Amino acid sequence: MNKIKVVHYINQFFSGIGGEEKADIKPEFRNEIVGPGSALQKQFGEEAEIIGTVICGDSYFNENLDEATKVILEMVKAQKPDLFIAGPAFNAGRYGAACGAIAKAVKEELGIPVVSAMYIENPGADMFKKEIHIVATSNSAAGMRKAIKPLAQLALKLAKNETIGSPSEEGYLERGIRKNYFAEKIGAERAVDMLISKLKNEEFV
């Protein structure tokens, strides 16, 4: 079985180039795994391979949205990947907006599965959660290890075109999409169970 080919997008900070002083760097492509890509690759095992990394400064992307998107799309297209991953961005606002924007563009223009990861209060999450799957993370990079596993798992399911479960099952942010399913109990029974749990101050869904 052929490995799933992955292109990974990260910013100037997670690539190790620098912080705010390097946020204006233009997009560049590296034929290697960079930064958090190492943890992703370890989680993928033999199922997928990160074939390259796109790096772009947060300021440059957000201030040159059309040009940056155009250039990055060409970089990604040239690699012919099966999957595109952006982030994790945690609570970095401009990074989250960039991850969401480029992932959405790749999905719409190149027609390949995409996934990102960020904190629920990241502006990028609110902007793009309806268009793409965004795995929920903590608000800082201290939660990197915890974020990588569900990100890799969801990414592989998307790449294999497998059925994606609910947000609570898969760990992604709610997208406002309703799906019909067959429940074990009828609605009236579930309503009574919820009411009883509420009266007992117990958790219920």
N, C-alpha and C. Protein backbone atom coordinates (compact mmCIF):
# COMPACT_ATOMS: atom_id res chain seq x y z
N MET A 1 0.85 -1.20 0.00
CA MET A 1 0.00 0.00 0.00
C MET A 1 0.88 1.25 0.00
N ASN A 2 0.58 2.20 -0.89
CA ASN A 2 1.36 3.43 -0.96
C ASN A 2 1.08 4.32 0.24
N LYS A 3 2.13 4.96 0.70
CA LYS A 3 1.96 5.88 1.82
C LYS A 3 1.20 7.13 1.38
N ILE A 4 0.44 7.69 2.29
CA ILE A 4 -0.27 8.94 2.04
C ILE A 4 0.77 10.07 2.05
N LYS A 5 0.77 10.88 1.00
CA LYS A 5 1.75 11.97 0.89
C LYS A 5 1.17 13.24 1.50
N VAL A 6 1.92 13.84 2.41
CA VAL A 6 1.43 14.99 3.17
C VAL A 6 2.32 16.21 2.98
N VAL A 7 1.69 17.37 2.77
CA VAL A 7 2.41 18.65 2.82
C VAL A 7 1.94 19.38 4.08
N HIS A 8 2.89 19.89 4.84
CA HIS A 8 2.62 20.53 6.13
C HIS A 8 2.91 22.03 6.05
N TYR A 9 2.00 22.84 6.60
CA TYR A 9 2.18 24.30 6.62
C TYR A 9 2.43 24.77 8.05
N ILE A 10 3.49 25.57 8.25
CA ILE A 10 3.78 26.17 9.55
C ILE A 10 4.27 27.61 9.37
N ASN A 11 4.33 28.35 10.47
CA ASN A 11 4.79 29.75 10.38
C ASN A 11 6.26 29.88 10.71
N GLN A 12 6.72 31.14 10.78
CA GLN A 12 8.14 31.39 11.01
C GLN A 12 8.60 30.96 12.39
N PHE A 13 7.71 31.02 13.36
CA PHE A 13 8.08 30.65 14.73
C PHE A 13 8.29 29.15 14.88
N PHE A 14 7.32 28.37 14.43
CA PHE A 14 7.41 26.92 14.59
C PHE A 14 8.43 26.28 13.66
N SER A 15 8.87 27.03 12.66
CA SER A 15 9.93 26.52 11.77
C SER A 15 11.30 26.80 12.36
N GLY A 16 11.34 27.61 13.44
CA GLY A 16 12.61 27.93 14.08
C GLY A 16 13.34 29.10 13.46
N ILE A 17 12.71 29.79 12.50
CA ILE A 17 13.36 30.94 11.85
C ILE A 17 13.44 32.13 12.80
N GLY A 18 12.35 32.38 13.52
CA GLY A 18 12.35 33.50 14.46
C GLY A 18 10.95 33.88 14.88
N GLY A 19 10.87 34.89 15.72
CA GLY A 19 9.58 35.33 16.23
C GLY A 19 8.99 36.46 15.42
N GLU A 20 8.51 37.49 16.12
CA GLU A 20 7.82 38.60 15.47
C GLU A 20 8.71 39.33 14.47
N GLU A 21 10.00 39.36 14.76
CA GLU A 21 10.93 40.07 13.86
C GLU A 21 11.08 39.37 12.51
N LYS A 22 10.65 38.13 12.41
CA LYS A 22 10.73 37.38 11.16
C LYS A 22 9.35 37.07 10.57
N ALA A 23 8.33 37.74 11.09
CA ALA A 23 6.96 37.46 10.66
C ALA A 23 6.66 37.93 9.24
N ASP A 24 7.63 38.64 8.63
CA ASP A 24 7.40 39.16 7.28
C ASP A 24 8.06 38.30 6.20
N ILE A 25 8.55 37.11 6.55
CA ILE A 25 9.21 36.29 5.53
C ILE A 25 8.19 35.76 4.52
N LYS A 26 8.61 35.70 3.27
CA LYS A 26 7.75 35.22 2.19
C LYS A 26 7.66 33.69 2.22
N PRO A 27 6.68 33.13 1.53
CA PRO A 27 6.54 31.67 1.52
C PRO A 27 7.77 30.98 0.96
N GLU A 28 8.14 29.88 1.58
CA GLU A 28 9.23 29.05 1.08
C GLU A 28 8.87 27.58 1.27
N PHE A 29 9.41 26.74 0.41
CA PHE A 29 9.13 25.31 0.50
C PHE A 29 10.42 24.56 0.81
N ARG A 30 10.33 23.62 1.74
CA ARG A 30 11.48 22.78 2.09
C ARG A 30 11.11 21.31 1.89
N ASN A 31 12.00 20.59 1.25
CA ASN A 31 11.79 19.16 1.03
C ASN A 31 12.20 18.36 2.26
N GLU A 32 11.65 18.73 3.40
CA GLU A 32 12.00 18.07 4.64
C GLU A 32 10.92 18.30 5.69
N ILE A 33 11.01 17.55 6.77
CA ILE A 33 10.11 17.72 7.90
C ILE A 33 10.69 18.80 8.80
N VAL A 34 9.86 19.75 9.19
CA VAL A 34 10.33 20.87 10.02
C VAL A 34 9.43 21.03 11.25
N GLY A 35 10.04 21.35 12.39
CA GLY A 35 9.29 21.67 13.61
C GLY A 35 8.34 20.58 14.05
N PRO A 36 7.07 20.95 14.28
CA PRO A 36 6.09 19.97 14.78
C PRO A 36 5.79 18.84 13.80
N GLY A 37 6.29 18.96 12.58
CA GLY A 37 6.11 17.89 11.60
C GLY A 37 6.74 16.59 12.06
N SER A 38 7.80 16.70 12.88
CA SER A 38 8.47 15.49 13.39
C SER A 38 7.53 14.66 14.25
N ALA A 39 6.78 15.36 15.12
CA ALA A 39 5.83 14.66 15.99
C ALA A 39 4.69 14.07 15.17
N LEU A 40 4.25 14.81 14.15
CA LEU A 40 3.19 14.30 13.28
C LEU A 40 3.65 13.04 12.55
N GLN A 41 4.86 13.10 12.02
CA GLN A 41 5.39 11.95 11.27
C GLN A 41 5.49 10.72 12.16
N LYS A 42 5.91 10.92 13.39
CA LYS A 42 6.02 9.81 14.35
C LYS A 42 4.64 9.20 14.59
N GLN A 43 3.63 10.05 14.68
CA GLN A 43 2.26 9.58 14.91
C GLN A 43 1.71 8.86 13.69
N PHE A 44 2.09 9.30 12.50
CA PHE A 44 1.62 8.65 11.26
C PHE A 44 2.16 7.23 11.12
N GLY A 45 3.36 6.99 11.64
CA GLY A 45 3.99 5.68 11.47
C GLY A 45 4.26 5.41 10.00
N GLU A 46 3.85 4.24 9.53
CA GLU A 46 4.09 3.84 8.14
C GLU A 46 2.94 4.20 7.21
N GLU A 47 1.88 4.82 7.76
CA GLU A 47 0.71 5.11 6.94
C GLU A 47 0.86 6.35 6.06
N ALA A 48 1.62 7.32 6.53
CA ALA A 48 1.76 8.57 5.77
C ALA A 48 3.17 9.12 5.89
N GLU A 49 3.50 9.97 4.94
CA GLU A 49 4.84 10.57 4.92
C GLU A 49 4.74 12.06 4.59
N ILE A 50 5.33 12.88 5.44
CA ILE A 50 5.39 14.32 5.15
C ILE A 50 6.48 14.52 4.11
N ILE A 51 6.09 14.93 2.91
CA ILE A 51 7.04 15.04 1.81
C ILE A 51 7.62 16.45 1.68
N GLY A 52 7.08 17.38 2.45
CA GLY A 52 7.62 18.74 2.40
C GLY A 52 6.87 19.67 3.33
N THR A 53 7.50 20.82 3.59
CA THR A 53 6.93 21.81 4.51
C THR A 53 6.90 23.19 3.86
N VAL A 54 5.74 23.83 3.94
CA VAL A 54 5.61 25.22 3.49
C VAL A 54 5.71 26.10 4.72
N ILE A 55 6.56 27.12 4.62
CA ILE A 55 6.76 28.06 5.73
C ILE A 55 6.44 29.47 5.25
N CYS A 56 5.70 30.22 6.06
CA CYS A 56 5.38 31.60 5.70
C CYS A 56 5.21 32.42 6.97
N GLY A 57 5.71 33.66 6.94
CA GLY A 57 5.56 34.56 8.08
C GLY A 57 4.10 34.96 8.25
N ASP A 58 3.67 35.05 9.50
CA ASP A 58 2.27 35.39 9.77
C ASP A 58 1.89 36.77 9.23
N SER A 59 2.77 37.74 9.42
CA SER A 59 2.47 39.09 8.93
C SER A 59 2.40 39.11 7.41
N TYR A 60 3.36 38.44 6.77
CA TYR A 60 3.38 38.45 5.31
C TYR A 60 2.10 37.83 4.75
N PHE A 61 1.71 36.68 5.29
CA PHE A 61 0.52 36.01 4.76
C PHE A 61 -0.71 36.88 4.89
N ASN A 62 -0.94 37.42 6.08
CA ASN A 62 -2.16 38.18 6.32
C ASN A 62 -2.18 39.55 5.64
N GLU A 63 -1.00 40.10 5.37
CA GLU A 63 -0.92 41.41 4.71
C GLU A 63 -0.86 41.28 3.19
N ASN A 64 -0.58 40.07 2.72
CA ASN A 64 -0.50 39.81 1.27
C ASN A 64 -1.29 38.55 0.95
N LEU A 65 -2.53 38.52 1.40
CA LEU A 65 -3.35 37.31 1.36
C LEU A 65 -3.44 36.68 -0.02
N ASP A 66 -3.79 37.46 -1.03
CA ASP A 66 -3.97 36.92 -2.37
C ASP A 66 -2.67 36.38 -2.96
N GLU A 67 -1.61 37.17 -2.85
CA GLU A 67 -0.32 36.77 -3.41
C GLU A 67 0.24 35.56 -2.68
N ALA A 68 0.19 35.58 -1.35
CA ALA A 68 0.71 34.46 -0.56
C ALA A 68 -0.06 33.18 -0.86
N THR A 69 -1.37 33.29 -0.95
CA THR A 69 -2.20 32.12 -1.24
C THR A 69 -1.85 31.55 -2.61
N LYS A 70 -1.71 32.43 -3.59
CA LYS A 70 -1.38 32.00 -4.95
C LYS A 70 -0.05 31.24 -4.99
N VAL A 71 0.96 31.80 -4.34
CA VAL A 71 2.30 31.20 -4.34
C VAL A 71 2.29 29.85 -3.62
N ILE A 72 1.63 29.81 -2.46
CA ILE A 72 1.61 28.57 -1.68
C ILE A 72 0.82 27.48 -2.41
N LEU A 73 -0.27 27.85 -3.06
CA LEU A 73 -1.04 26.86 -3.82
C LEU A 73 -0.17 26.22 -4.90
N GLU A 74 0.67 27.01 -5.56
CA GLU A 74 1.56 26.46 -6.58
C GLU A 74 2.58 25.51 -5.96
N MET A 75 3.08 25.88 -4.79
CA MET A 75 4.05 25.03 -4.08
C MET A 75 3.43 23.68 -3.73
N VAL A 76 2.20 23.73 -3.20
CA VAL A 76 1.51 22.51 -2.80
C VAL A 76 1.16 21.67 -4.02
N LYS A 77 0.63 22.32 -5.04
CA LYS A 77 0.22 21.62 -6.27
C LYS A 77 1.38 20.86 -6.89
N ALA A 78 2.56 21.44 -6.86
CA ALA A 78 3.74 20.82 -7.47
C ALA A 78 4.12 19.51 -6.79
N GLN A 79 3.76 19.36 -5.53
CA GLN A 79 4.11 18.14 -4.78
C GLN A 79 3.11 17.00 -4.95
N LYS A 80 1.93 17.33 -5.49
CA LYS A 80 0.86 16.34 -5.69
C LYS A 80 0.58 15.51 -4.43
N PRO A 81 0.29 16.20 -3.31
CA PRO A 81 0.04 15.47 -2.07
C PRO A 81 -1.37 14.88 -2.01
N ASP A 82 -1.56 13.99 -1.06
CA ASP A 82 -2.88 13.40 -0.82
C ASP A 82 -3.58 14.11 0.34
N LEU A 83 -2.81 14.92 1.08
CA LEU A 83 -3.32 15.52 2.30
C LEU A 83 -2.54 16.79 2.62
N PHE A 84 -3.25 17.79 3.18
CA PHE A 84 -2.60 19.05 3.57
C PHE A 84 -2.95 19.34 5.03
N ILE A 85 -1.92 19.60 5.84
CA ILE A 85 -2.12 19.91 7.26
C ILE A 85 -1.54 21.28 7.56
N ALA A 86 -2.30 22.12 8.25
CA ALA A 86 -1.84 23.46 8.63
C ALA A 86 -1.85 23.59 10.14
N GLY A 87 -0.69 23.90 10.71
CA GLY A 87 -0.60 24.11 12.15
C GLY A 87 -0.02 22.90 12.88
N PRO A 88 -0.32 22.82 14.21
CA PRO A 88 -1.30 23.54 15.02
C PRO A 88 -0.94 24.99 15.28
N ALA A 89 -1.98 25.84 15.42
CA ALA A 89 -1.78 27.26 15.64
C ALA A 89 -2.07 27.68 17.08
N PHE A 90 -2.69 26.79 17.86
CA PHE A 90 -3.05 27.10 19.25
C PHE A 90 -3.83 28.41 19.32
N ASN A 91 -3.39 29.40 20.13
CA ASN A 91 -4.16 30.64 20.23
C ASN A 91 -3.48 31.82 19.54
N ALA A 92 -2.56 31.53 18.62
CA ALA A 92 -1.89 32.60 17.86
C ALA A 92 -2.84 33.06 16.75
N GLY A 93 -3.42 34.24 16.91
CA GLY A 93 -4.48 34.72 16.02
C GLY A 93 -4.14 34.79 14.55
N ARG A 94 -3.03 35.46 14.21
CA ARG A 94 -2.67 35.60 12.79
C ARG A 94 -2.27 34.26 12.19
N TYR A 95 -1.63 33.43 12.99
CA TYR A 95 -1.24 32.10 12.52
C TYR A 95 -2.49 31.25 12.27
N GLY A 96 -3.46 31.35 13.17
CA GLY A 96 -4.71 30.61 13.00
C GLY A 96 -5.46 31.05 11.76
N ALA A 97 -5.50 32.37 11.54
CA ALA A 97 -6.19 32.89 10.36
C ALA A 97 -5.49 32.42 9.08
N ALA A 98 -4.15 32.38 9.12
CA ALA A 98 -3.39 31.92 7.95
C ALA A 98 -3.62 30.44 7.70
N CYS A 99 -3.59 29.63 8.77
CA CYS A 99 -3.83 28.19 8.63
C CYS A 99 -5.20 27.92 8.02
N GLY A 100 -6.21 28.63 8.54
CA GLY A 100 -7.56 28.43 8.03
C GLY A 100 -7.70 28.85 6.58
N ALA A 101 -7.13 30.01 6.25
CA ALA A 101 -7.26 30.54 4.90
C ALA A 101 -6.57 29.66 3.87
N ILE A 102 -5.34 29.22 4.16
CA ILE A 102 -4.62 28.43 3.17
C ILE A 102 -5.19 27.02 3.08
N ALA A 103 -5.65 26.47 4.19
CA ALA A 103 -6.27 25.14 4.15
C ALA A 103 -7.55 25.18 3.32
N LYS A 104 -8.35 26.20 3.52
CA LYS A 104 -9.59 26.35 2.76
C LYS A 104 -9.28 26.48 1.26
N ALA A 105 -8.25 27.26 0.93
CA ALA A 105 -7.87 27.46 -0.47
C ALA A 105 -7.40 26.16 -1.10
N VAL A 106 -6.59 25.40 -0.37
CA VAL A 106 -6.09 24.12 -0.89
C VAL A 106 -7.26 23.15 -1.13
N LYS A 107 -8.18 23.11 -0.19
CA LYS A 107 -9.35 22.24 -0.32
C LYS A 107 -10.18 22.61 -1.54
N GLU A 108 -10.43 23.91 -1.72
CA GLU A 108 -11.30 24.35 -2.82
C GLU A 108 -10.60 24.34 -4.17
N GLU A 109 -9.34 24.73 -4.21
CA GLU A 109 -8.62 24.86 -5.48
C GLU A 109 -7.97 23.55 -5.95
N LEU A 110 -7.46 22.76 -5.01
CA LEU A 110 -6.73 21.54 -5.38
C LEU A 110 -7.54 20.27 -5.12
N GLY A 111 -8.63 20.41 -4.37
CA GLY A 111 -9.51 19.27 -4.15
C GLY A 111 -8.93 18.15 -3.32
N ILE A 112 -8.04 18.46 -2.39
CA ILE A 112 -7.49 17.42 -1.52
C ILE A 112 -7.94 17.66 -0.09
N PRO A 113 -7.98 16.61 0.74
CA PRO A 113 -8.39 16.77 2.13
C PRO A 113 -7.44 17.69 2.90
N VAL A 114 -8.01 18.47 3.80
CA VAL A 114 -7.21 19.39 4.63
C VAL A 114 -7.68 19.30 6.07
N VAL A 115 -6.79 19.66 6.98
CA VAL A 115 -7.15 19.73 8.39
C VAL A 115 -6.19 20.69 9.09
N SER A 116 -6.71 21.37 10.10
CA SER A 116 -5.87 22.26 10.90
C SER A 116 -6.15 21.98 12.37
N ALA A 117 -5.50 22.74 13.25
CA ALA A 117 -5.71 22.58 14.68
C ALA A 117 -5.44 23.90 15.37
N MET A 118 -6.33 24.28 16.27
CA MET A 118 -6.15 25.54 17.01
C MET A 118 -7.09 25.60 18.21
N TYR A 119 -6.84 26.58 19.05
CA TYR A 119 -7.66 26.82 20.24
C TYR A 119 -9.02 27.35 19.81
N ILE A 120 -10.06 26.97 20.55
CA ILE A 120 -11.42 27.33 20.18
C ILE A 120 -11.64 28.85 20.08
N GLU A 121 -10.88 29.63 20.87
CA GLU A 121 -11.05 31.08 20.85
C GLU A 121 -10.12 31.78 19.85
N ASN A 122 -9.34 31.01 19.11
CA ASN A 122 -8.52 31.60 18.06
C ASN A 122 -9.45 32.19 16.99
N PRO A 123 -9.23 33.43 16.55
CA PRO A 123 -10.09 34.02 15.51
C PRO A 123 -10.21 33.14 14.27
N GLY A 124 -9.14 32.45 13.95
CA GLY A 124 -9.15 31.57 12.77
C GLY A 124 -10.14 30.43 12.91
N ALA A 125 -10.36 29.97 14.14
CA ALA A 125 -11.31 28.88 14.36
C ALA A 125 -12.72 29.32 14.03
N ASP A 126 -13.08 30.50 14.49
CA ASP A 126 -14.42 31.02 14.23
C ASP A 126 -14.62 31.33 12.74
N MET A 127 -13.55 31.77 12.09
CA MET A 127 -13.63 32.14 10.67
C MET A 127 -13.76 30.93 9.75
N PHE A 128 -13.12 29.82 10.11
CA PHE A 128 -13.01 28.71 9.15
C PHE A 128 -13.54 27.35 9.60
N LYS A 129 -14.10 27.24 10.80
CA LYS A 129 -14.53 25.93 11.28
C LYS A 129 -15.66 25.31 10.46
N LYS A 130 -16.42 26.13 9.75
CA LYS A 130 -17.49 25.59 8.90
C LYS A 130 -16.95 25.05 7.58
N GLU A 131 -15.82 25.60 7.14
CA GLU A 131 -15.25 25.18 5.85
C GLU A 131 -14.30 24.00 5.95
N ILE A 132 -13.57 23.91 7.07
CA ILE A 132 -12.57 22.85 7.22
C ILE A 132 -12.67 22.22 8.61
N HIS A 133 -12.11 21.04 8.76
CA HIS A 133 -12.04 20.40 10.07
C HIS A 133 -10.88 21.04 10.85
N ILE A 134 -11.17 21.46 12.08
CA ILE A 134 -10.15 22.07 12.94
C ILE A 134 -10.14 21.32 14.26
N VAL A 135 -9.04 20.65 14.54
CA VAL A 135 -8.90 19.91 15.79
C VAL A 135 -8.71 20.89 16.94
N ALA A 136 -9.41 20.65 18.04
CA ALA A 136 -9.33 21.53 19.21
C ALA A 136 -8.01 21.32 19.95
N THR A 137 -7.36 22.43 20.33
CA THR A 137 -6.11 22.36 21.08
C THR A 137 -6.21 23.23 22.33
N SER A 138 -5.17 23.20 23.14
CA SER A 138 -5.08 24.11 24.28
C SER A 138 -4.71 25.49 23.74
N ASN A 139 -4.58 26.47 24.63
CA ASN A 139 -4.31 27.84 24.14
C ASN A 139 -2.84 28.15 23.96
N SER A 140 -1.96 27.19 24.22
CA SER A 140 -0.53 27.45 24.02
C SER A 140 0.18 26.21 23.49
N ALA A 141 1.39 26.42 23.00
CA ALA A 141 2.18 25.33 22.43
C ALA A 141 2.58 24.29 23.46
N ALA A 142 2.33 24.58 24.73
CA ALA A 142 2.61 23.60 25.77
C ALA A 142 1.74 22.36 25.58
N GLY A 143 0.63 22.54 24.83
CA GLY A 143 -0.25 21.42 24.57
C GLY A 143 0.03 20.71 23.27
N MET A 144 1.23 20.89 22.71
CA MET A 144 1.59 20.30 21.42
C MET A 144 1.43 18.78 21.42
N ARG A 145 1.98 18.13 22.42
CA ARG A 145 1.95 16.67 22.46
C ARG A 145 0.51 16.15 22.47
N LYS A 146 -0.35 16.81 23.23
CA LYS A 146 -1.74 16.40 23.32
C LYS A 146 -2.50 16.67 22.01
N ALA A 147 -2.07 17.69 21.28
CA ALA A 147 -2.76 18.06 20.04
C ALA A 147 -2.41 17.16 18.86
N ILE A 148 -1.19 16.66 18.84
CA ILE A 148 -0.69 15.92 17.68
C ILE A 148 -1.46 14.63 17.40
N LYS A 149 -1.76 13.86 18.43
CA LYS A 149 -2.42 12.56 18.21
C LYS A 149 -3.78 12.69 17.54
N PRO A 150 -4.71 13.50 18.07
CA PRO A 150 -6.01 13.62 17.38
C PRO A 150 -5.89 14.27 16.01
N LEU A 151 -4.91 15.17 15.85
CA LEU A 151 -4.69 15.81 14.54
C LEU A 151 -4.27 14.77 13.52
N ALA A 152 -3.32 13.94 13.88
CA ALA A 152 -2.83 12.90 12.96
C ALA A 152 -3.93 11.88 12.65
N GLN A 153 -4.67 11.48 13.67
CA GLN A 153 -5.73 10.49 13.47
C GLN A 153 -6.82 11.00 12.55
N LEU A 154 -7.26 12.24 12.76
CA LEU A 154 -8.30 12.80 11.91
C LEU A 154 -7.78 13.01 10.49
N ALA A 155 -6.54 13.45 10.38
CA ALA A 155 -5.93 13.66 9.07
C ALA A 155 -5.93 12.38 8.24
N LEU A 156 -5.55 11.27 8.88
CA LEU A 156 -5.50 9.99 8.17
C LEU A 156 -6.90 9.55 7.74
N LYS A 157 -7.89 9.76 8.59
CA LYS A 157 -9.26 9.37 8.25
C LYS A 157 -9.77 10.19 7.06
N LEU A 158 -9.43 11.48 7.04
CA LEU A 158 -9.83 12.34 5.93
C LEU A 158 -9.15 11.90 4.64
N ALA A 159 -7.86 11.58 4.74
CA ALA A 159 -7.10 11.17 3.56
C ALA A 159 -7.61 9.85 2.98
N LYS A 160 -8.10 8.97 3.86
CA LYS A 160 -8.61 7.66 3.43
C LYS A 160 -10.10 7.73 3.06
N ASN A 161 -10.67 8.93 3.18
CA ASN A 161 -12.10 9.13 2.88
C ASN A 161 -12.98 8.24 3.76
N GLU A 162 -12.58 8.08 5.01
CA GLU A 162 -13.36 7.29 5.95
C GLU A 162 -14.45 8.16 6.58
N THR A 163 -15.45 7.53 7.14
CA THR A 163 -16.52 8.26 7.80
C THR A 163 -15.99 9.00 9.02
N ILE A 164 -16.29 10.28 9.10
CA ILE A 164 -15.84 11.11 10.22
C ILE A 164 -16.94 11.16 11.27
N GLY A 165 -16.58 10.83 12.50
CA GLY A 165 -17.54 10.83 13.59
C GLY A 165 -17.87 12.24 14.06
N SER A 166 -18.55 12.33 15.16
CA SER A 166 -18.95 13.63 15.72
C SER A 166 -17.74 14.37 16.29
N PRO A 167 -17.89 15.67 16.53
CA PRO A 167 -16.79 16.44 17.14
C PRO A 167 -16.30 15.84 18.45
N SER A 168 -17.22 15.36 19.28
CA SER A 168 -16.82 14.77 20.57
C SER A 168 -16.04 13.47 20.38
N GLU A 169 -16.33 12.74 19.31
CA GLU A 169 -15.63 11.48 19.04
C GLU A 169 -14.26 11.70 18.43
N GLU A 170 -14.16 12.67 17.51
CA GLU A 170 -12.93 12.87 16.74
C GLU A 170 -12.05 14.00 17.28
N GLY A 171 -12.61 14.87 18.13
CA GLY A 171 -11.81 15.92 18.72
C GLY A 171 -11.72 17.22 17.94
N TYR A 172 -12.58 17.40 16.93
CA TYR A 172 -12.54 18.66 16.18
C TYR A 172 -13.63 19.62 16.67
N LEU A 173 -13.50 20.89 16.32
CA LEU A 173 -14.45 21.90 16.75
C LEU A 173 -15.79 21.72 16.03
N GLU A 174 -16.86 21.98 16.72
CA GLU A 174 -18.19 21.86 16.12
C GLU A 174 -18.30 22.78 14.92
N ARG A 175 -18.85 22.25 13.82
CA ARG A 175 -18.91 22.99 12.55
C ARG A 175 -20.30 23.53 12.23
N GLY A 176 -21.26 23.26 13.10
CA GLY A 176 -22.61 23.73 12.84
C GLY A 176 -23.32 22.91 11.78
N ILE A 177 -22.86 21.67 11.59
CA ILE A 177 -23.46 20.79 10.59
C ILE A 177 -24.26 19.70 11.30
N ARG A 178 -25.50 19.52 10.90
CA ARG A 178 -26.34 18.49 11.50
C ARG A 178 -26.38 17.25 10.63
N LYS A 179 -26.30 16.09 11.27
CA LYS A 179 -26.40 14.82 10.54
C LYS A 179 -27.41 13.92 11.23
N ASN A 180 -28.22 13.27 10.44
CA ASN A 180 -29.17 12.31 11.00
C ASN A 180 -28.47 11.00 11.33
N TYR A 181 -28.88 10.38 12.43
CA TYR A 181 -28.33 9.07 12.78
C TYR A 181 -29.37 8.30 13.58
N PHE A 182 -29.19 7.00 13.66
CA PHE A 182 -30.12 6.14 14.40
C PHE A 182 -29.64 6.02 15.84
N ALA A 183 -30.44 6.53 16.77
CA ALA A 183 -30.11 6.45 18.19
C ALA A 183 -30.67 5.16 18.77
N GLU A 184 -30.07 4.72 19.87
CA GLU A 184 -30.52 3.48 20.51
C GLU A 184 -31.89 3.66 21.17
N LYS A 185 -32.17 4.89 21.64
CA LYS A 185 -33.45 5.17 22.29
C LYS A 185 -34.23 6.20 21.48
N ILE A 186 -35.55 6.16 21.59
CA ILE A 186 -36.37 7.16 20.89
C ILE A 186 -36.21 8.51 21.59
N GLY A 187 -36.65 9.56 20.90
CA GLY A 187 -36.47 10.91 21.42
C GLY A 187 -37.09 11.13 22.80
N ALA A 188 -38.28 10.59 23.04
CA ALA A 188 -38.95 10.78 24.32
C ALA A 188 -38.14 10.20 25.48
N GLU A 189 -37.57 9.00 25.25
CA GLU A 189 -36.75 8.38 26.29
C GLU A 189 -35.49 9.20 26.57
N ARG A 190 -34.86 9.69 25.50
CA ARG A 190 -33.65 10.49 25.68
C ARG A 190 -33.95 11.79 26.42
N ALA A 191 -35.12 12.39 26.12
CA ALA A 191 -35.51 13.63 26.79
C ALA A 191 -35.71 13.41 28.29
N VAL A 192 -36.36 12.30 28.65
CA VAL A 192 -36.57 11.98 30.07
C VAL A 192 -35.23 11.73 30.76
N ASP A 193 -34.32 10.99 30.09
CA ASP A 193 -32.99 10.73 30.66
C ASP A 193 -32.24 12.04 30.90
N MET A 194 -32.34 12.97 29.94
CA MET A 194 -31.68 14.26 30.09
C MET A 194 -32.25 15.04 31.28
N LEU A 195 -33.57 15.02 31.41
CA LEU A 195 -34.22 15.74 32.50
C LEU A 195 -33.81 15.18 33.86
N ILE A 196 -33.78 13.86 33.96
CA ILE A 196 -33.37 13.22 35.22
C ILE A 196 -31.92 13.58 35.57
N SER A 197 -31.04 13.55 34.55
CA SER A 197 -29.64 13.90 34.77
C SER A 197 -29.51 15.35 35.21
N LYS A 198 -30.29 16.23 34.59
CA LYS A 198 -30.25 17.65 34.94
C LYS A 198 -30.70 17.87 36.38
N LEU A 199 -31.78 17.18 36.80
CA LEU A 199 -32.29 17.32 38.17
C LEU A 199 -31.29 16.82 39.20
N LYS A 200 -30.46 15.84 38.77
CA LYS A 200 -29.44 15.28 39.66
C LYS A 200 -28.11 16.05 39.58
N ASN A 201 -28.11 17.14 38.75
CA ASN A 201 -26.88 17.93 38.51
C ASN A 201 -25.77 17.08 37.91
N GLU A 202 -26.17 16.11 37.08
CA GLU A 202 -25.21 15.27 36.38
C GLU A 202 -25.02 15.79 34.96
N GLU A 203 -23.90 15.42 34.36
CA GLU A 203 -23.64 15.85 32.98
C GLU A 203 -24.55 15.10 32.02
N PHE A 204 -24.96 15.79 30.96
CA PHE A 204 -25.78 15.15 29.94
C PHE A 204 -25.49 15.80 28.59
N VAL A 205 -25.78 15.06 27.51
CA VAL A 205 -25.55 15.57 26.15
C VAL A 205 -26.89 15.62 25.43
